[in-house]
Amino acid sequence: MAGLQTGAPTPTDITVHSQSRVLEVAFSDGKHFRIPFELMRIYSPSAEVQGHGPGQEVLQTGKREVDLVGLEPVGNYAVQPTFSDGHDTGLFSWDYLYFLGSEQDRLWSDYEQRLKAAGVERDAPMPAKGGHACGSH
């Protein structure tokens, strides 16, 4: 999980827009981002999505209509969203939200390339979970 870097911008305002499915975040450096819930969900920093190391990422599909049903603060450094598909294990630090907001175009492009390489559609349902039992998700 990304932590807080010294001197890094921090949120001055966070607004959940349920209708348009975006998290609007204003930062102390004047930057302002509208981060789609789908982008947050497919790039969740959780072990369930990121795996336990490089190359273990789990490609997320079927998340276009995902909603944000809860958003809890975690200390003074992060928020923990709960998504409508039940996913709630990702801690989104301020640094990570800034990264998602500032790198949206590249992240969407990377996601589309990963979908193509895997031969799956963006809206395909996620496969059933296998017998992975590490206990971290």
Protein backbone atom coordinates (compact mmCIF):
# COMPACT_ATOMS: atom_id res chain seq x y z
CA MET A 1 0.00 0.00 0.00
CA ALA A 2 1.23 3.45 -0.82
CA GLY A 3 1.88 5.53 2.27
CA LEU A 4 2.00 9.24 2.78
CA GLN A 5 5.06 10.90 1.38
CA THR A 6 6.36 13.88 3.32
CA GLY A 7 5.01 17.07 1.79
CA ALA A 8 2.62 15.17 -0.50
CA PRO A 9 -0.72 16.83 -1.28
CA THR A 10 -3.60 15.90 1.01
CA PRO A 11 -7.33 16.02 0.27
CA THR A 12 -9.15 19.23 1.11
CA ASP A 13 -12.52 17.86 -0.01
CA ILE A 14 -13.90 14.42 -0.92
CA THR A 15 -17.35 14.05 -2.48
CA VAL A 16 -19.09 10.82 -3.48
CA HIS A 17 -21.23 11.29 -6.60
CA SER A 18 -23.44 8.19 -6.64
CA GLN A 19 -25.38 9.13 -9.77
CA SER A 20 -22.30 9.58 -11.98
CA ARG A 21 -20.29 6.94 -10.04
CA VAL A 22 -17.26 9.12 -9.37
CA LEU A 23 -15.29 10.12 -6.29
CA GLU A 24 -14.39 13.79 -6.53
CA VAL A 25 -11.22 14.70 -4.65
CA ALA A 26 -9.71 18.17 -4.28
CA PHE A 27 -6.10 18.28 -3.07
CA SER A 28 -4.08 20.86 -1.17
CA ASP A 29 -1.92 21.59 -4.24
CA GLY A 30 -5.00 22.79 -6.15
CA LYS A 31 -5.40 19.62 -8.22
CA HIS A 32 -8.91 18.27 -8.55
CA PHE A 33 -9.80 14.77 -9.76
CA ARG A 34 -12.98 12.87 -10.61
CA ILE A 35 -12.10 9.20 -10.13
CA PRO A 36 -14.64 6.67 -11.47
CA PHE A 37 -15.71 4.00 -8.98
CA GLU A 38 -14.86 1.38 -11.62
CA LEU A 39 -11.27 2.62 -11.82
CA MET A 40 -10.98 2.54 -8.03
CA ARG A 41 -12.36 -0.99 -7.93
CA ILE A 42 -10.18 -2.45 -10.70
CA TYR A 43 -7.06 -0.83 -9.22
CA SER A 44 -7.91 -1.47 -5.57
CA PRO A 45 -4.68 -1.68 -3.53
CA SER A 46 -5.99 -4.81 -1.76
CA ALA A 47 -4.22 -8.18 -1.90
CA GLU A 48 -7.37 -9.58 -3.51
CA VAL A 49 -6.70 -7.39 -6.57
CA GLN A 50 -2.93 -6.74 -6.43
CA GLY A 51 -1.88 -10.20 -5.28
CA HIS A 52 1.08 -10.67 -2.96
CA GLY A 53 3.79 -9.61 -5.38
CA PRO A 54 4.59 -8.58 -8.95
CA GLY A 55 2.82 -10.70 -11.54
CA GLN A 56 0.12 -11.87 -9.12
CA GLU A 57 -2.40 -9.16 -9.98
CA VAL A 58 -5.96 -10.37 -10.57
CA LEU A 59 -7.59 -8.81 -13.63
CA GLN A 60 -10.92 -7.35 -12.55
CA THR A 61 -13.90 -7.52 -14.92
CA GLY A 62 -17.60 -6.77 -14.69
CA LYS A 63 -17.05 -3.64 -12.57
CA ARG A 64 -18.50 -0.97 -14.90
CA GLU A 65 -21.69 -0.60 -12.81
CA VAL A 66 -20.05 -0.94 -9.37
CA ASP A 67 -21.26 1.56 -6.79
CA LEU A 68 -19.58 2.98 -3.72
CA VAL A 69 -21.84 2.08 -0.80
CA GLY A 70 -19.54 3.24 2.00
CA LEU A 71 -16.43 5.33 2.52
CA GLU A 72 -14.76 5.26 5.93
CA PRO A 73 -11.79 7.38 7.01
CA VAL A 74 -8.70 5.51 8.18
CA GLY A 75 -6.67 7.72 10.48
CA ASN A 76 -5.46 10.89 8.77
CA TYR A 77 -3.96 9.12 5.78
CA ALA A 78 -6.55 7.05 3.89
CA VAL A 79 -10.13 6.01 3.20
CA GLN A 80 -11.57 2.51 2.99
CA PRO A 81 -14.37 2.18 0.46
CA THR A 82 -17.03 -0.50 0.41
CA PHE A 83 -18.18 -1.34 -3.10
CA SER A 84 -21.56 -2.75 -4.11
CA ASP A 85 -19.93 -6.07 -5.11
CA GLY A 86 -18.87 -6.56 -1.47
CA HIS A 87 -15.21 -5.61 -1.94
CA ASP A 88 -14.03 -3.64 1.11
CA THR A 89 -10.42 -4.57 1.80
CA GLY A 90 -8.56 -1.82 -0.05
CA LEU A 91 -7.07 1.10 1.89
CA PHE A 92 -6.76 4.09 -0.43
CA SER A 93 -4.07 6.39 0.96
CA TRP A 94 -4.04 10.04 -0.08
CA ASP A 95 -0.99 9.29 -2.24
CA TYR A 96 -2.81 6.43 -3.96
CA LEU A 97 -5.94 8.52 -4.64
CA TYR A 98 -3.69 11.22 -6.11
CA PHE A 99 -1.98 8.60 -8.27
CA LEU A 100 -5.33 7.23 -9.52
CA GLY A 101 -6.56 10.73 -10.31
CA SER A 102 -3.43 11.98 -12.03
CA GLU A 103 -2.74 8.78 -13.99
CA GLN A 104 -6.31 7.94 -15.08
CA ASP A 105 -5.67 8.01 -18.83
CA ARG A 106 -2.64 5.74 -18.59
CA LEU A 107 -4.36 3.39 -16.14
CA TRP A 108 -7.43 3.03 -18.40
CA SER A 109 -5.15 2.33 -21.37
CA ASP A 110 -3.17 -0.27 -19.38
CA TYR A 111 -6.44 -1.89 -18.27
CA GLU A 112 -7.74 -2.11 -21.85
CA GLN A 113 -4.44 -3.68 -22.97
CA ARG A 114 -4.58 -6.23 -20.13
CA LEU A 115 -8.18 -7.14 -21.06
CA LYS A 116 -7.19 -7.60 -24.70
CA ALA A 117 -4.14 -9.69 -23.80
CA ALA A 118 -6.30 -11.91 -21.57
CA GLY A 119 -8.97 -12.23 -24.26
CA VAL A 120 -11.75 -11.07 -21.95
CA GLU A 121 -14.36 -8.35 -22.19
CA ARG A 122 -14.58 -5.47 -19.71
CA ASP A 123 -18.09 -6.52 -18.68
CA ALA A 124 -17.39 -10.25 -18.39
CA PRO A 125 -18.30 -11.67 -14.97
CA MET A 126 -15.44 -12.44 -12.63
CA PRO A 127 -14.61 -16.16 -12.46
CA ALA A 128 -15.50 -17.98 -9.26
CA LYS A 129 -12.79 -17.74 -6.60
CA GLY A 130 -10.47 -20.70 -6.41
CA GLY A 131 -9.03 -22.40 -3.35
CA HIS A 132 -6.67 -19.58 -2.40
CA ALA A 133 -6.63 -19.41 1.39
CA CYS A 134 -3.99 -16.97 2.54
CA GLY A 135 -6.44 -15.24 4.86
CA SER A 136 -5.63 -11.72 3.65
CA HIS A 137 -8.81 -11.35 1.58
